[in-house]
């Protein structure tokens, strides 16, 4: 038997309090198969917000896939969908402000912040940061429920050296600066992402960032980054990552100290832009 939606009021970020006050109506909800109308709310947010930025033919995913991964508790890839808005208890009339998706890879004990969409009329209100923190907390809960610790939380972002502001919905430099303000650090490797589409090749226009642990505040070490990359490659159809030339190159940079070509990000100090990995 399902329960009604019970949004958590999202006041973790001070800038949100300042914007709305303590009695603000803004709510945050983690989608659950156990809560009545939760999938209805997710489907509406998907149609109204998500597909505008991520249509299926441009890297988006079908909402049915999300439902399956949320419902199937034994799946290794656990999907975490966070919705922010007002009046979320009534999906048909809710004011939707943002939707975001995270994936927790249980076997590897790592997470990916996959999608982050904020309504164009609701930007600069702290909503993006709320959705990052909510998904990190949900990933930690998934990890602890499995008797694990959450080795790292990662994020992909367009590389401003290879993608111009005109080619992205937000200037990649500004996007990276925003994530760094929220604690993210660039992982200093030549990141190559396998394409999810069968036969789609690989993507070399992205960079990889890592967030601090939601409980300890520590950044992932080299072995943690390797665990993420290995799991990600395997989930994208590369069964033996160690035999893949791009994976080999990233491992060489990661463990033998060779730096990746991320220098256009170094307008600020190196300590601010690049994550120094521990063993």
C-alpha atoms as a PDB file:
ATOM      1  CA  UNK A   1       0.000   0.000   0.000  1.00  0.00           C
ATOM      2  CA  UNK A   2       1.432   3.364  -1.018  1.00  0.00           C
ATOM      3  CA  UNK A   3       1.606   6.472   1.116  1.00  0.00           C
ATOM      4  CA  UNK A   4       0.858  10.026   0.066  1.00  0.00           C
ATOM      5  CA  UNK A   5       3.708  12.245  -1.061  1.00  0.00           C
ATOM      6  CA  UNK A   6       5.496  13.778   1.916  1.00  0.00           C
ATOM      7  CA  UNK A   7       7.920  16.444   0.628  1.00  0.00           C
ATOM      8  CA  UNK A   8      10.870  17.432   2.759  1.00  0.00           C
ATOM      9  CA  UNK A   9      11.161  21.192   3.169  1.00  0.00           C
ATOM     10  CA  UNK A  10      14.471  22.134   1.592  1.00  0.00           C
ATOM     11  CA  UNK A  11      16.077  24.805   3.740  1.00  0.00           C
ATOM     12  CA  UNK A  12      19.635  23.457   3.847  1.00  0.00           C
ATOM     13  CA  UNK A  13      20.999  26.355   1.797  1.00  0.00           C
ATOM     14  CA  UNK A  14      21.226  29.759   3.447  1.00  0.00           C
ATOM     15  CA  UNK A  15      20.607  31.583   0.172  1.00  0.00           C
ATOM     16  CA  UNK A  16      17.212  29.872  -0.091  1.00  0.00           C
ATOM     17  CA  UNK A  17      16.222  31.039   3.379  1.00  0.00           C
ATOM     18  CA  UNK A  18      17.239  34.566   2.519  1.00  0.00           C
ATOM     19  CA  UNK A  19      15.172  34.448  -0.655  1.00  0.00           C
ATOM     20  CA  UNK A  20      11.975  32.995   0.789  1.00  0.00           C
ATOM     21  CA  UNK A  21      12.177  33.177   4.581  1.00  0.00           C
ATOM     22  CA  UNK A  22      11.608  30.420   7.137  1.00  0.00           C
ATOM     23  CA  UNK A  23       7.988  29.872   6.072  1.00  0.00           C
ATOM     24  CA  UNK A  24       8.737  29.577   2.366  1.00  0.00           C
ATOM     25  CA  UNK A  25       6.518  27.164   0.436  1.00  0.00           C
ATOM     26  CA  UNK A  26       9.422  25.620  -1.496  1.00  0.00           C
ATOM     27  CA  UNK A  27       9.575  21.836  -1.096  1.00  0.00           C
ATOM     28  CA  UNK A  28      11.917  19.030  -2.099  1.00  0.00           C
ATOM     29  CA  UNK A  29      10.831  15.466  -2.852  1.00  0.00           C
ATOM     30  CA  UNK A  30      12.819  12.299  -3.587  1.00  0.00           C
ATOM     31  CA  UNK A  31      10.703  10.150  -5.897  1.00  0.00           C
ATOM     32  CA  UNK A  32       9.639   6.835  -4.385  1.00  0.00           C
ATOM     33  CA  UNK A  33       7.591   3.913  -5.665  1.00  0.00           C
ATOM     34  CA  UNK A  34       6.161   3.635  -2.152  1.00  0.00           C
ATOM     35  CA  UNK A  35       4.492   7.055  -2.197  1.00  0.00           C
ATOM     36  CA  UNK A  36       1.166   7.638  -3.890  1.00  0.00           C
ATOM     37  CA  UNK A  37       1.364   9.944  -6.932  1.00  0.00           C
ATOM     38  CA  UNK A  38       5.152  10.191  -6.711  1.00  0.00           C
ATOM     39  CA  UNK A  39       5.554   8.766 -10.217  1.00  0.00           C
ATOM     40  CA  UNK A  40       2.813  11.095 -11.441  1.00  0.00           C
ATOM     41  CA  UNK A  41       4.768  14.070 -10.095  1.00  0.00           C
ATOM     42  CA  UNK A  42       7.964  12.780 -11.698  1.00  0.00           C
ATOM     43  CA  UNK A  43       6.274  12.251 -15.061  1.00  0.00           C
ATOM     44  CA  UNK A  44       4.932  15.790 -15.078  1.00  0.00           C
ATOM     45  CA  UNK A  45       8.341  17.243 -14.127  1.00  0.00           C
ATOM     46  CA  UNK A  46       9.915  15.092 -16.824  1.00  0.00           C
ATOM     47  CA  UNK A  47       7.525  16.383 -19.494  1.00  0.00           C
ATOM     48  CA  UNK A  48       7.441  20.022 -18.359  1.00  0.00           C
ATOM     49  CA  UNK A  49      11.113  20.533 -17.506  1.00  0.00           C
ATOM     50  CA  UNK A  50      13.443  17.689 -18.382  1.00  0.00           C
ATOM     51  CA  UNK A  51      12.712  16.984 -22.051  1.00  0.00           C
ATOM     52  CA  UNK A  52      13.080  20.668 -22.955  1.00  0.00           C
ATOM     53  CA  UNK A  53      16.816  20.427 -22.223  1.00  0.00           C
ATOM     54  CA  UNK A  54      17.366  16.693 -22.717  1.00  0.00           C
ATOM     55  CA  UNK A  55      15.141  15.329 -25.496  1.00  0.00           C
ATOM     56  CA  UNK A  56      15.533  11.624 -26.229  1.00  0.00           C
ATOM     57  CA  UNK A  57      17.466  12.266 -29.424  1.00  0.00           C
ATOM     58  CA  UNK A  58      19.956  14.509 -27.617  1.00  0.00           C
ATOM     59  CA  UNK A  59      21.092  12.455 -24.654  1.00  0.00           C
ATOM     60  CA  UNK A  60      17.888  12.254 -22.630  1.00  0.00           C
ATOM     61  CA  UNK A  61      16.454   9.095 -21.095  1.00  0.00           C
ATOM     62  CA  UNK A  62      12.866   7.772 -21.106  1.00  0.00           C
ATOM     63  CA  UNK A  63      10.971   8.297 -17.867  1.00  0.00           C
ATOM     64  CA  UNK A  64       9.993   4.619 -17.944  1.00  0.00           C
ATOM     65  CA  UNK A  65      13.651   3.745 -17.365  1.00  0.00           C
ATOM     66  CA  UNK A  66      13.671   5.904 -14.249  1.00  0.00           C
ATOM     67  CA  UNK A  67      10.513   4.218 -12.956  1.00  0.00           C
ATOM     68  CA  UNK A  68      12.064   0.792 -13.483  1.00  0.00           C
ATOM     69  CA  UNK A  69      15.301   1.652 -11.695  1.00  0.00           C
ATOM     70  CA  UNK A  70      13.441   3.270  -8.784  1.00  0.00           C
ATOM     71  CA  UNK A  71      11.022   0.354  -8.402  1.00  0.00           C
ATOM     72  CA  UNK A  72      13.552  -2.471  -8.721  1.00  0.00           C
ATOM     73  CA  UNK A  73      15.354  -2.300  -5.396  1.00  0.00           C
ATOM     74  CA  UNK A  74      17.844  -5.022  -6.312  1.00  0.00           C
ATOM     75  CA  UNK A  75      19.154  -3.115  -9.337  1.00  0.00           C
ATOM     76  CA  UNK A  76      22.830  -2.189  -9.029  1.00  0.00           C
ATOM     77  CA  UNK A  77      22.180   1.182 -10.692  1.00  0.00           C
ATOM     78  CA  UNK A  78      19.813   2.917  -8.279  1.00  0.00           C
ATOM     79  CA  UNK A  79      18.166   6.036  -9.724  1.00  0.00           C
ATOM     80  CA  UNK A  80      17.525   8.989  -7.419  1.00  0.00           C
ATOM     81  CA  UNK A  81      15.139  11.620  -8.785  1.00  0.00           C
ATOM     82  CA  UNK A  82      14.724  14.860  -6.854  1.00  0.00           C
ATOM     83  CA  UNK A  83      11.951  17.372  -7.583  1.00  0.00           C
ATOM     84  CA  UNK A  84      11.783  20.886  -6.140  1.00  0.00           C
ATOM     85  CA  UNK A  85       8.734  23.114  -6.236  1.00  0.00           C
ATOM     86  CA  UNK A  86       5.635  24.198  -4.386  1.00  0.00           C
ATOM     87  CA  UNK A  87       2.502  22.233  -3.569  1.00  0.00           C
ATOM     88  CA  UNK A  88       4.124  18.937  -4.517  1.00  0.00           C
ATOM     89  CA  UNK A  89       1.420  16.969  -2.711  1.00  0.00           C
ATOM     90  CA  UNK A  90      -0.817  17.637  -5.746  1.00  0.00           C
ATOM     91  CA  UNK A  91       1.163  16.738  -8.876  1.00  0.00           C
ATOM     92  CA  UNK A  92      -1.382  18.135 -11.339  1.00  0.00           C
ATOM     93  CA  UNK A  93      -1.241  21.659  -9.894  1.00  0.00           C
ATOM     94  CA  UNK A  94       2.251  21.767  -8.338  1.00  0.00           C
ATOM     95  CA  UNK A  95       4.545  24.656  -9.250  1.00  0.00           C
ATOM     96  CA  UNK A  96       7.625  22.858 -10.542  1.00  0.00           C
ATOM     97  CA  UNK A  97      10.985  24.580 -10.063  1.00  0.00           C
ATOM     98  CA  UNK A  98      13.515  21.855 -10.831  1.00  0.00           C
ATOM     99  CA  UNK A  99      14.182  18.178 -11.443  1.00  0.00           C
ATOM    100  CA  UNK A 100      17.462  16.316 -11.065  1.00  0.00           C
ATOM    101  CA  UNK A 101      18.659  12.743 -11.423  1.00  0.00           C
ATOM    102  CA  UNK A 102      21.438  10.881  -9.651  1.00  0.00           C
ATOM    103  CA  UNK A 103      22.636   7.302 -10.105  1.00  0.00           C
ATOM    104  CA  UNK A 104      24.139   5.267  -7.284  1.00  0.00           C
ATOM    105  CA  UNK A 105      26.239   2.314  -8.460  1.00  0.00           C
ATOM    106  CA  UNK A 106      25.848  -0.021  -5.516  1.00  0.00           C
ATOM    107  CA  UNK A 107      28.551  -2.581  -6.326  1.00  0.00           C
ATOM    108  CA  UNK A 108      31.212   0.106  -6.833  1.00  0.00           C
ATOM    109  CA  UNK A 109      29.773   2.309  -4.043  1.00  0.00           C
ATOM    110  CA  UNK A 110      29.978   5.499  -6.131  1.00  0.00           C
ATOM    111  CA  UNK A 111      27.458   7.994  -7.448  1.00  0.00           C
ATOM    112  CA  UNK A 112      26.915  10.164 -10.513  1.00  0.00           C
ATOM    113  CA  UNK A 113      24.941  13.423 -10.571  1.00  0.00           C
ATOM    114  CA  UNK A 114      23.551  12.787 -14.034  1.00  0.00           C
ATOM    115  CA  UNK A 115      21.060  15.590 -14.772  1.00  0.00           C
ATOM    116  CA  UNK A 116      20.280  18.934 -13.160  1.00  0.00           C
ATOM    117  CA  UNK A 117      17.408  21.007 -14.636  1.00  0.00           C
ATOM    118  CA  UNK A 118      16.100  24.246 -13.129  1.00  0.00           C
ATOM    119  CA  UNK A 119      13.092  26.066 -14.574  1.00  0.00           C
ATOM    120  CA  UNK A 120      14.345  29.091 -16.527  1.00  0.00           C
ATOM    121  CA  UNK A 121      12.204  31.421 -14.385  1.00  0.00           C
ATOM    122  CA  UNK A 122      13.521  29.927 -11.145  1.00  0.00           C
ATOM    123  CA  UNK A 123      17.269  30.284 -11.581  1.00  0.00           C
ATOM    124  CA  UNK A 124      19.608  32.060  -9.147  1.00  0.00           C
ATOM    125  CA  UNK A 125      17.399  30.978  -6.250  1.00  0.00           C
ATOM    126  CA  UNK A 126      19.655  28.234  -4.842  1.00  0.00           C
ATOM    127  CA  UNK A 127      17.544  25.424  -6.299  1.00  0.00           C
ATOM    128  CA  UNK A 128      20.409  23.779  -8.191  1.00  0.00           C
ATOM    129  CA  UNK A 129      22.483  23.571  -5.024  1.00  0.00           C
ATOM    130  CA  UNK A 130      19.546  22.111  -3.098  1.00  0.00           C
ATOM    131  CA  UNK A 131      19.165  19.360  -5.695  1.00  0.00           C
ATOM    132  CA  UNK A 132      22.879  18.533  -5.547  1.00  0.00           C
ATOM    133  CA  UNK A 133      22.790  18.249  -1.750  1.00  0.00           C
ATOM    134  CA  UNK A 134      19.543  16.244  -1.742  1.00  0.00           C
ATOM    135  CA  UNK A 135      20.933  13.671  -4.177  1.00  0.00           C
ATOM    136  CA  UNK A 136      24.231  13.374  -2.319  1.00  0.00           C
ATOM    137  CA  UNK A 137      22.326  12.730   0.910  1.00  0.00           C
ATOM    138  CA  UNK A 138      20.097  10.153  -0.816  1.00  0.00           C
ATOM    139  CA  UNK A 139      23.161   8.378  -2.243  1.00  0.00           C
ATOM    140  CA  UNK A 140      24.709   8.214   1.209  1.00  0.00           C
ATOM    141  CA  UNK A 141      21.465   6.723   2.550  1.00  0.00           C
ATOM    142  CA  UNK A 142      21.540   4.094  -0.222  1.00  0.00           C
ATOM    143  CA  UNK A 143      25.167   3.305   0.578  1.00  0.00           C
ATOM    144  CA  UNK A 144      24.623   2.990   4.322  1.00  0.00           C
ATOM    145  CA  UNK A 145      21.544   0.798   3.760  1.00  0.00           C
ATOM    146  CA  UNK A 146      23.838  -1.541   1.797  1.00  0.00           C
ATOM    147  CA  UNK A 147      26.474  -1.482   4.547  1.00  0.00           C
ATOM    148  CA  UNK A 148      28.788   0.797   2.561  1.00  0.00           C
ATOM    149  CA  UNK A 149      30.242   4.299   2.942  1.00  0.00           C
ATOM    150  CA  UNK A 150      29.856   6.048  -0.472  1.00  0.00           C
ATOM    151  CA  UNK A 151      33.324   6.266  -1.990  1.00  0.00           C
ATOM    152  CA  UNK A 152      32.656   9.291  -4.167  1.00  0.00           C
ATOM    153  CA  UNK A 153      30.116  11.480  -5.962  1.00  0.00           C
ATOM    154  CA  UNK A 154      30.957  12.597  -9.484  1.00  0.00           C
ATOM    155  CA  UNK A 155      29.647  14.885 -12.201  1.00  0.00           C
ATOM    156  CA  UNK A 156      30.295  15.354 -15.915  1.00  0.00           C
ATOM    157  CA  UNK A 157      30.418  18.816 -17.465  1.00  0.00           C
ATOM    158  CA  UNK A 158      31.226  20.222 -20.883  1.00  0.00           C
ATOM    159  CA  UNK A 159      34.875  21.208 -21.225  1.00  0.00           C
ATOM    160  CA  UNK A 160      35.037  24.942 -22.058  1.00  0.00           C
ATOM    161  CA  UNK A 161      38.183  24.283 -24.090  1.00  0.00           C
ATOM    162  CA  UNK A 162      36.118  22.171 -26.469  1.00  0.00           C
ATOM    163  CA  UNK A 163      32.521  23.401 -26.141  1.00  0.00           C
ATOM    164  CA  UNK A 164      31.746  27.085 -26.608  1.00  0.00           C
ATOM    165  CA  UNK A 165      29.134  29.078 -24.709  1.00  0.00           C
ATOM    166  CA  UNK A 166      27.006  29.164 -27.875  1.00  0.00           C
ATOM    167  CA  UNK A 167      26.938  25.352 -27.962  1.00  0.00           C
ATOM    168  CA  UNK A 168      25.675  24.883 -24.391  1.00  0.00           C
ATOM    169  CA  UNK A 169      22.558  26.007 -22.539  1.00  0.00           C
ATOM    170  CA  UNK A 170      24.873  27.638 -19.981  1.00  0.00           C
ATOM    171  CA  UNK A 171      28.416  28.878 -20.643  1.00  0.00           C
ATOM    172  CA  UNK A 172      30.612  25.899 -19.585  1.00  0.00           C
ATOM    173  CA  UNK A 173      32.981  28.238 -17.714  1.00  0.00           C
ATOM    174  CA  UNK A 174      30.067  29.609 -15.684  1.00  0.00           C
ATOM    175  CA  UNK A 175      28.674  26.135 -15.095  1.00  0.00           C
ATOM    176  CA  UNK A 176      32.016  24.871 -13.772  1.00  0.00           C
ATOM    177  CA  UNK A 177      32.439  27.951 -11.589  1.00  0.00           C
ATOM    178  CA  UNK A 178      28.972  27.309 -10.142  1.00  0.00           C
ATOM    179  CA  UNK A 179      29.781  23.682  -9.291  1.00  0.00           C
ATOM    180  CA  UNK A 180      33.125  24.711  -7.791  1.00  0.00           C
ATOM    181  CA  UNK A 181      31.299  27.214  -5.606  1.00  0.00           C
ATOM    182  CA  UNK A 182      29.282  24.268  -4.322  1.00  0.00           C
ATOM    183  CA  UNK A 183      32.452  22.315  -3.533  1.00  0.00           C
ATOM    184  CA  UNK A 184      33.224  20.396  -6.724  1.00  0.00           C
ATOM    185  CA  UNK A 185      36.790  19.940  -7.957  1.00  0.00           C
ATOM    186  CA  UNK A 186      38.015  18.983 -11.422  1.00  0.00           C
ATOM    187  CA  UNK A 187      39.616  15.529 -11.660  1.00  0.00           C
ATOM    188  CA  UNK A 188      42.828  16.191 -13.583  1.00  0.00           C
ATOM    189  CA  UNK A 189      42.649  13.532 -16.304  1.00  0.00           C
ATOM    190  CA  UNK A 190      41.796  13.527 -20.012  1.00  0.00           C
ATOM    191  CA  UNK A 191      38.279  12.252 -19.405  1.00  0.00           C
ATOM    192  CA  UNK A 192      36.698  10.118 -22.129  1.00  0.00           C
ATOM    193  CA  UNK A 193      33.070   9.135 -21.639  1.00  0.00           C
ATOM    194  CA  UNK A 194      31.575   6.062 -23.328  1.00  0.00           C
ATOM    195  CA  UNK A 195      28.353   6.861 -25.179  1.00  0.00           C
ATOM    196  CA  UNK A 196      25.267   5.138 -23.767  1.00  0.00           C
ATOM    197  CA  UNK A 197      23.795   4.573 -27.222  1.00  0.00           C
ATOM    198  CA  UNK A 198      24.867   1.237 -28.783  1.00  0.00           C
ATOM    199  CA  UNK A 199      27.619   1.907 -31.295  1.00  0.00           C
ATOM    200  CA  UNK A 200      27.606   5.561 -30.349  1.00  0.00           C
ATOM    201  CA  UNK A 201      31.328   5.763 -29.840  1.00  0.00           C
ATOM    202  CA  UNK A 202      32.813   7.943 -27.103  1.00  0.00           C
ATOM    203  CA  UNK A 203      32.651  11.546 -26.006  1.00  0.00           C
ATOM    204  CA  UNK A 204      35.869  13.490 -25.463  1.00  0.00           C
ATOM    205  CA  UNK A 205      34.380  16.936 -24.881  1.00  0.00           C
ATOM    206  CA  UNK A 206      33.628  16.526 -21.174  1.00  0.00           C
ATOM    207  CA  UNK A 207      35.508  16.904 -17.916  1.00  0.00           C
ATOM    208  CA  UNK A 208      34.961  14.959 -14.713  1.00  0.00           C
ATOM    209  CA  UNK A 209      34.370  16.659 -11.369  1.00  0.00           C
ATOM    210  CA  UNK A 210      34.113  15.254  -7.852  1.00  0.00           C
ATOM    211  CA  UNK A 211      32.140  16.536  -4.870  1.00  0.00           C
ATOM    212  CA  UNK A 212      33.134  16.213  -1.215  1.00  0.00           C
ATOM    213  CA  UNK A 213      31.551  13.414   0.781  1.00  0.00           C
ATOM    214  CA  UNK A 214      28.207  14.517   2.285  1.00  0.00           C
ATOM    215  CA  UNK A 215      29.223  13.363   5.764  1.00  0.00           C
ATOM    216  CA  UNK A 216      33.025  13.536   6.024  1.00  0.00           C
ATOM    217  CA  UNK A 217      33.689  16.369   3.582  1.00  0.00           C
ATOM    218  CA  UNK A 218      36.583  14.403   2.077  1.00  0.00           C
ATOM    219  CA  UNK A 219      37.203  14.145  -1.659  1.00  0.00           C
ATOM    220  CA  UNK A 220      37.589  10.742  -3.319  1.00  0.00           C
ATOM    221  CA  UNK A 221      41.087   9.322  -3.704  1.00  0.00           C
ATOM    222  CA  UNK A 222      42.668   7.775  -6.781  1.00  0.00           C
ATOM    223  CA  UNK A 223      41.263   4.312  -6.117  1.00  0.00           C
ATOM    224  CA  UNK A 224      37.807   5.792  -5.623  1.00  0.00           C
ATOM    225  CA  UNK A 225      38.019   7.621  -8.958  1.00  0.00           C
ATOM    226  CA  UNK A 226      39.171   4.389 -10.581  1.00  0.00           C
ATOM    227  CA  UNK A 227      36.196   2.538  -9.055  1.00  0.00           C
ATOM    228  CA  UNK A 228      33.830   5.115 -10.544  1.00  0.00           C
ATOM    229  CA  UNK A 229      35.436   5.022 -14.008  1.00  0.00           C
ATOM    230  CA  UNK A 230      35.461   1.223 -14.057  1.00  0.00           C
ATOM    231  CA  UNK A 231      31.803   0.977 -13.032  1.00  0.00           C
ATOM    232  CA  UNK A 232      30.774   3.665 -15.500  1.00  0.00           C
ATOM    233  CA  UNK A 233      32.540   1.988 -18.413  1.00  0.00           C
ATOM    234  CA  UNK A 234      31.061  -1.385 -17.535  1.00  0.00           C
ATOM    235  CA  UNK A 235      27.546   0.052 -17.283  1.00  0.00           C
ATOM    236  CA  UNK A 236      28.028   1.525 -20.763  1.00  0.00           C
ATOM    237  CA  UNK A 237      28.820  -1.794 -22.381  1.00  0.00           C
ATOM    238  CA  UNK A 238      32.602  -1.992 -22.019  1.00  0.00           C
ATOM    239  CA  UNK A 239      32.851  -5.258 -20.097  1.00  0.00           C
ATOM    240  CA  UNK A 240      36.653  -5.210 -19.810  1.00  0.00           C
ATOM    241  CA  UNK A 241      37.725  -1.603 -19.223  1.00  0.00           C
ATOM    242  CA  UNK A 242      41.377  -2.571 -18.753  1.00  0.00           C
ATOM    243  CA  UNK A 243      41.486  -3.571 -22.427  1.00  0.00           C
ATOM    244  CA  UNK A 244      40.095  -0.208 -23.577  1.00  0.00           C
ATOM    245  CA  UNK A 245      42.714   2.281 -24.788  1.00  0.00           C
ATOM    246  CA  UNK A 246      40.934   5.352 -23.384  1.00  0.00           C
ATOM    247  CA  UNK A 247      40.436   3.726 -19.991  1.00  0.00           C
ATOM    248  CA  UNK A 248      44.115   2.729 -19.998  1.00  0.00           C
ATOM    249  CA  UNK A 249      45.075   6.328 -20.714  1.00  0.00           C
ATOM    250  CA  UNK A 250      43.022   7.657 -17.822  1.00  0.00           C
ATOM    251  CA  UNK A 251      44.510   5.053 -15.469  1.00  0.00           C
ATOM    252  CA  UNK A 252      48.023   6.080 -16.566  1.00  0.00           C
ATOM    253  CA  UNK A 253      47.288   9.731 -15.807  1.00  0.00           C
ATOM    254  CA  UNK A 254      45.501   8.911 -12.562  1.00  0.00           C
ATOM    255  CA  UNK A 255      48.122   6.656 -11.002  1.00  0.00           C
ATOM    256  CA  UNK A 256      51.379   7.795 -12.588  1.00  0.00           C
ATOM    257  CA  UNK A 257      51.000  11.526 -12.177  1.00  0.00           C
ATOM    258  CA  UNK A 258      50.618  12.576 -15.786  1.00  0.00           C
ATOM    259  CA  UNK A 259      48.364  15.600 -15.994  1.00  0.00           C
ATOM    260  CA  UNK A 260      45.434  15.869 -18.369  1.00  0.00           C
ATOM    261  CA  UNK A 261      44.942  18.800 -20.742  1.00  0.00           C
ATOM    262  CA  UNK A 262      42.564  20.764 -18.542  1.00  0.00           C
ATOM    263  CA  UNK A 263      44.657  23.935 -18.383  1.00  0.00           C
ATOM    264  CA  UNK A 264      42.007  26.368 -19.780  1.00  0.00           C
ATOM    265  CA  UNK A 265      40.306  25.985 -16.392  1.00  0.00           C
ATOM    266  CA  UNK A 266      43.348  27.331 -14.580  1.00  0.00           C
ATOM    267  CA  UNK A 267      42.421  31.012 -14.761  1.00  0.00           C
ATOM    268  CA  UNK A 268      42.176  30.819 -11.003  1.00  0.00           C
ATOM    269  CA  UNK A 269      44.721  29.101  -8.803  1.00  0.00           C
ATOM    270  CA  UNK A 270      45.514  25.440  -9.459  1.00  0.00           C
ATOM    271  CA  UNK A 271      44.337  24.532  -5.970  1.00  0.00           C
ATOM    272  CA  UNK A 272      40.953  26.031  -6.701  1.00  0.00           C
ATOM    273  CA  UNK A 273      40.468  24.442 -10.100  1.00  0.00           C
ATOM    274  CA  UNK A 274      42.020  20.988  -9.896  1.00  0.00           C
ATOM    275  CA  UNK A 275      41.425  18.285  -7.319  1.00  0.00           C
ATOM    276  CA  UNK A 276      44.661  16.945  -5.863  1.00  0.00           C
ATOM    277  CA  UNK A 277      44.100  13.217  -5.562  1.00  0.00           C
ATOM    278  CA  UNK A 278      45.315  11.165  -2.641  1.00  0.00           C
ATOM    279  CA  UNK A 279      46.349   7.551  -3.095  1.00  0.00           C
END
